[in-house]
Amino acid sequence: MIKINLLGGIKKSIGQSNLQINEESASINGIISYLESNYYSNNKINERDIMVAINGIESSVLGGYNAKVSSGDTVTILSIVHGG
């Protein structure tokens, strides 16, 4: 089981702060697709507007959106606020 924590705007859009996916492994791309298909009201998550961490490590250093996640891992997805 993979635990997903949602923070910021994506939490509000999906309507939950925590989810669990009953899979042995997945990629970040797969998790985003799962969220889009099952929870996200806008149908498409803009990957430039989120940051993803796997067990507290930013996913870009682990392979980006192709990074693999295993059962027991925690994926944290948070919205990035843009402005100026």
N, C-alpha and C. Protein backbone atom coordinates (compact mmCIF):
# COMPACT_ATOMS: atom_id res chain seq x y z
N MET A 1 0.84 -1.17 0.00
CA MET A 1 0.00 0.00 0.00
C MET A 1 0.89 1.24 0.00
N ILE A 2 0.57 2.20 -0.85
CA ILE A 2 1.30 3.45 -0.98
C ILE A 2 0.44 4.55 -0.37
N LYS A 3 1.03 5.30 0.56
CA LYS A 3 0.31 6.40 1.21
C LYS A 3 0.59 7.69 0.44
N ILE A 4 -0.46 8.50 0.23
CA ILE A 4 -0.33 9.77 -0.46
C ILE A 4 -0.84 10.88 0.45
N ASN A 5 0.02 11.85 0.72
CA ASN A 5 -0.36 13.04 1.47
C ASN A 5 -0.51 14.19 0.50
N LEU A 6 -1.59 14.93 0.62
CA LEU A 6 -1.87 16.06 -0.26
C LEU A 6 -1.90 17.34 0.56
N LEU A 7 -1.20 18.37 0.07
CA LEU A 7 -1.10 19.63 0.79
C LEU A 7 -1.42 20.80 -0.14
N GLY A 8 -1.95 21.86 0.43
CA GLY A 8 -2.21 23.08 -0.34
C GLY A 8 -3.41 22.96 -1.26
N GLY A 9 -3.30 23.62 -2.41
CA GLY A 9 -4.40 23.68 -3.37
C GLY A 9 -4.84 22.33 -3.90
N ILE A 10 -3.89 21.41 -4.06
CA ILE A 10 -4.28 20.09 -4.59
C ILE A 10 -5.13 19.33 -3.57
N LYS A 11 -4.87 19.54 -2.29
CA LYS A 11 -5.71 18.95 -1.24
C LYS A 11 -7.14 19.46 -1.37
N LYS A 12 -7.26 20.77 -1.58
CA LYS A 12 -8.59 21.37 -1.72
C LYS A 12 -9.28 20.87 -2.98
N SER A 13 -8.55 20.77 -4.08
CA SER A 13 -9.14 20.32 -5.34
C SER A 13 -9.60 18.87 -5.27
N ILE A 14 -8.83 18.04 -4.62
CA ILE A 14 -9.17 16.61 -4.54
C ILE A 14 -10.16 16.34 -3.42
N GLY A 15 -10.13 17.19 -2.37
CA GLY A 15 -11.11 17.05 -1.29
C GLY A 15 -10.68 16.13 -0.17
N GLN A 16 -9.42 15.71 -0.18
CA GLN A 16 -8.91 14.84 0.87
C GLN A 16 -7.45 15.19 1.13
N SER A 17 -7.00 14.92 2.35
CA SER A 17 -5.60 15.20 2.67
C SER A 17 -4.74 13.94 2.62
N ASN A 18 -5.36 12.78 2.73
CA ASN A 18 -4.62 11.52 2.71
C ASN A 18 -5.37 10.47 1.90
N LEU A 19 -4.62 9.73 1.10
CA LEU A 19 -5.18 8.63 0.32
C LEU A 19 -4.23 7.45 0.43
N GLN A 20 -4.74 6.28 0.12
CA GLN A 20 -3.89 5.10 0.03
C GLN A 20 -4.21 4.37 -1.26
N ILE A 21 -3.16 3.93 -1.93
CA ILE A 21 -3.31 3.15 -3.16
C ILE A 21 -2.85 1.74 -2.85
N ASN A 22 -3.69 0.79 -3.12
CA ASN A 22 -3.38 -0.60 -2.81
C ASN A 22 -2.60 -1.24 -3.95
N GLU A 23 -1.35 -0.81 -4.10
CA GLU A 23 -0.45 -1.32 -5.13
C GLU A 23 0.89 -1.64 -4.50
N GLU A 24 1.60 -2.58 -5.07
CA GLU A 24 2.95 -2.91 -4.60
C GLU A 24 3.97 -1.88 -5.09
N SER A 25 3.74 -1.35 -6.29
CA SER A 25 4.65 -0.33 -6.83
C SER A 25 3.91 0.51 -7.85
N ALA A 26 4.46 1.71 -8.08
CA ALA A 26 3.89 2.63 -9.06
C ALA A 26 4.94 3.68 -9.36
N SER A 27 4.74 4.41 -10.44
CA SER A 27 5.59 5.57 -10.73
C SER A 27 4.83 6.82 -10.29
N ILE A 28 5.53 7.92 -10.17
CA ILE A 28 4.87 9.18 -9.86
C ILE A 28 3.87 9.52 -10.98
N ASN A 29 4.26 9.29 -12.24
CA ASN A 29 3.31 9.49 -13.35
C ASN A 29 2.05 8.68 -13.16
N GLY A 30 2.19 7.43 -12.74
CA GLY A 30 1.04 6.57 -12.51
C GLY A 30 0.15 7.07 -11.39
N ILE A 31 0.77 7.58 -10.34
CA ILE A 31 0.00 8.12 -9.22
C ILE A 31 -0.75 9.37 -9.65
N ILE A 32 -0.11 10.24 -10.40
CA ILE A 32 -0.78 11.45 -10.89
C ILE A 32 -1.95 11.07 -11.79
N SER A 33 -1.75 10.11 -12.68
CA SER A 33 -2.85 9.64 -13.55
C SER A 33 -3.99 9.08 -12.73
N TYR A 34 -3.66 8.32 -11.69
CA TYR A 34 -4.68 7.76 -10.80
C TYR A 34 -5.49 8.87 -10.14
N LEU A 35 -4.80 9.90 -9.63
CA LEU A 35 -5.49 11.02 -8.99
C LEU A 35 -6.38 11.75 -9.99
N GLU A 36 -5.87 11.98 -11.20
CA GLU A 36 -6.66 12.67 -12.23
C GLU A 36 -7.91 11.88 -12.58
N SER A 37 -7.78 10.58 -12.71
CA SER A 37 -8.91 9.74 -13.11
C SER A 37 -9.96 9.58 -12.02
N ASN A 38 -9.51 9.55 -10.76
CA ASN A 38 -10.42 9.19 -9.68
C ASN A 38 -10.84 10.33 -8.76
N TYR A 39 -10.09 11.41 -8.72
CA TYR A 39 -10.37 12.43 -7.72
C TYR A 39 -10.35 13.86 -8.23
N TYR A 40 -9.55 14.17 -9.22
CA TYR A 40 -9.30 15.56 -9.58
C TYR A 40 -10.40 16.09 -10.47
N SER A 41 -11.09 17.12 -9.99
CA SER A 41 -12.27 17.63 -10.70
C SER A 41 -11.92 18.32 -12.02
N ASN A 42 -10.70 18.83 -12.16
CA ASN A 42 -10.32 19.51 -13.40
C ASN A 42 -9.77 18.55 -14.46
N ASN A 43 -9.66 17.27 -14.15
CA ASN A 43 -9.21 16.20 -15.04
C ASN A 43 -7.73 16.21 -15.38
N LYS A 44 -7.01 17.29 -15.14
CA LYS A 44 -5.58 17.36 -15.48
C LYS A 44 -4.84 18.13 -14.40
N ILE A 45 -3.83 17.50 -13.82
CA ILE A 45 -2.97 18.15 -12.85
C ILE A 45 -1.78 18.72 -13.61
N ASN A 46 -1.56 20.01 -13.50
CA ASN A 46 -0.42 20.64 -14.17
C ASN A 46 0.83 20.32 -13.35
N GLU A 47 1.71 19.51 -13.92
CA GLU A 47 2.89 19.05 -13.20
C GLU A 47 3.85 20.17 -12.85
N ARG A 48 3.74 21.30 -13.52
CA ARG A 48 4.58 22.46 -13.17
C ARG A 48 4.07 23.19 -11.94
N ASP A 49 2.86 22.85 -11.50
CA ASP A 49 2.25 23.53 -10.36
C ASP A 49 2.31 22.69 -9.08
N ILE A 50 3.01 21.57 -9.11
CA ILE A 50 3.12 20.74 -7.91
C ILE A 50 4.57 20.36 -7.64
N MET A 51 4.83 20.00 -6.39
CA MET A 51 6.10 19.41 -6.01
C MET A 51 5.77 18.05 -5.39
N VAL A 52 6.57 17.05 -5.72
CA VAL A 52 6.33 15.71 -5.23
C VAL A 52 7.55 15.23 -4.45
N ALA A 53 7.31 14.65 -3.29
CA ALA A 53 8.39 14.07 -2.49
C ALA A 53 8.05 12.61 -2.20
N ILE A 54 9.08 11.79 -2.19
CA ILE A 54 8.93 10.38 -1.84
C ILE A 54 9.70 10.16 -0.55
N ASN A 55 9.00 9.78 0.49
CA ASN A 55 9.61 9.60 1.81
C ASN A 55 10.44 10.81 2.21
N GLY A 56 9.93 12.02 1.90
CA GLY A 56 10.57 13.26 2.29
C GLY A 56 11.67 13.74 1.37
N ILE A 57 11.92 13.04 0.27
CA ILE A 57 12.97 13.43 -0.68
C ILE A 57 12.29 13.89 -1.97
N GLU A 58 12.66 15.10 -2.41
CA GLU A 58 12.06 15.66 -3.62
C GLU A 58 12.28 14.71 -4.80
N SER A 59 11.24 14.44 -5.54
CA SER A 59 11.27 13.39 -6.57
C SER A 59 12.24 13.66 -7.71
N SER A 60 12.59 14.92 -7.96
CA SER A 60 13.49 15.21 -9.08
C SER A 60 14.86 14.55 -8.90
N VAL A 61 15.29 14.33 -7.68
CA VAL A 61 16.57 13.67 -7.45
C VAL A 61 16.45 12.15 -7.46
N LEU A 62 15.22 11.67 -7.56
CA LEU A 62 14.96 10.23 -7.58
C LEU A 62 14.48 9.71 -8.93
N GLY A 63 14.51 10.57 -9.94
CA GLY A 63 14.06 10.17 -11.26
C GLY A 63 12.88 10.95 -11.77
N GLY A 64 12.51 12.01 -11.07
CA GLY A 64 11.39 12.84 -11.51
C GLY A 64 10.08 12.08 -11.51
N TYR A 65 9.27 12.32 -12.52
CA TYR A 65 7.95 11.68 -12.58
C TYR A 65 8.03 10.20 -12.99
N ASN A 66 9.21 9.74 -13.36
CA ASN A 66 9.40 8.32 -13.63
C ASN A 66 9.87 7.56 -12.39
N ALA A 67 10.10 8.27 -11.29
CA ALA A 67 10.58 7.64 -10.05
C ALA A 67 9.59 6.57 -9.60
N LYS A 68 10.13 5.47 -9.13
CA LYS A 68 9.31 4.36 -8.66
C LYS A 68 9.04 4.49 -7.17
N VAL A 69 7.83 4.14 -6.80
CA VAL A 69 7.38 4.15 -5.42
C VAL A 69 6.95 2.73 -5.09
N SER A 70 7.29 2.28 -3.89
CA SER A 70 6.96 0.92 -3.48
C SER A 70 5.99 0.92 -2.31
N SER A 71 5.36 -0.20 -2.09
CA SER A 71 4.46 -0.36 -0.96
C SER A 71 5.20 0.01 0.32
N GLY A 72 4.54 0.79 1.16
CA GLY A 72 5.15 1.27 2.40
C GLY A 72 5.72 2.66 2.28
N ASP A 73 5.88 3.16 1.04
CA ASP A 73 6.39 4.51 0.83
C ASP A 73 5.28 5.54 1.03
N THR A 74 5.71 6.76 1.34
CA THR A 74 4.78 7.89 1.45
C THR A 74 5.14 8.92 0.39
N VAL A 75 4.15 9.26 -0.43
CA VAL A 75 4.30 10.28 -1.46
C VAL A 75 3.57 11.52 -0.98
N THR A 76 4.27 12.64 -0.97
CA THR A 76 3.66 13.92 -0.58
C THR A 76 3.60 14.79 -1.82
N ILE A 77 2.40 15.30 -2.11
CA ILE A 77 2.20 16.18 -3.25
C ILE A 77 1.67 17.50 -2.72
N LEU A 78 2.36 18.59 -3.09
CA LEU A 78 1.89 19.89 -2.66
C LEU A 78 1.88 20.86 -3.80
N SER A 79 0.93 21.77 -3.75
CA SER A 79 0.81 22.79 -4.78
C SER A 79 1.88 23.85 -4.57
N ILE A 80 2.45 24.31 -5.66
CA ILE A 80 3.42 25.39 -5.63
C ILE A 80 2.66 26.68 -5.92
N VAL A 81 2.84 27.67 -5.07
CA VAL A 81 2.17 28.95 -5.23
C VAL A 81 3.08 29.85 -6.06
N HIS A 82 2.52 30.37 -7.16
CA HIS A 82 3.26 31.28 -8.02
C HIS A 82 2.75 32.70 -7.77
N GLY A 83 3.60 33.62 -7.96
CA GLY A 83 3.16 35.00 -7.82
C GLY A 83 4.33 35.95 -7.94
N GLY A 84 4.06 37.18 -7.81
CA GLY A 84 5.14 38.13 -7.92
C GLY A 84 4.79 39.48 -7.38
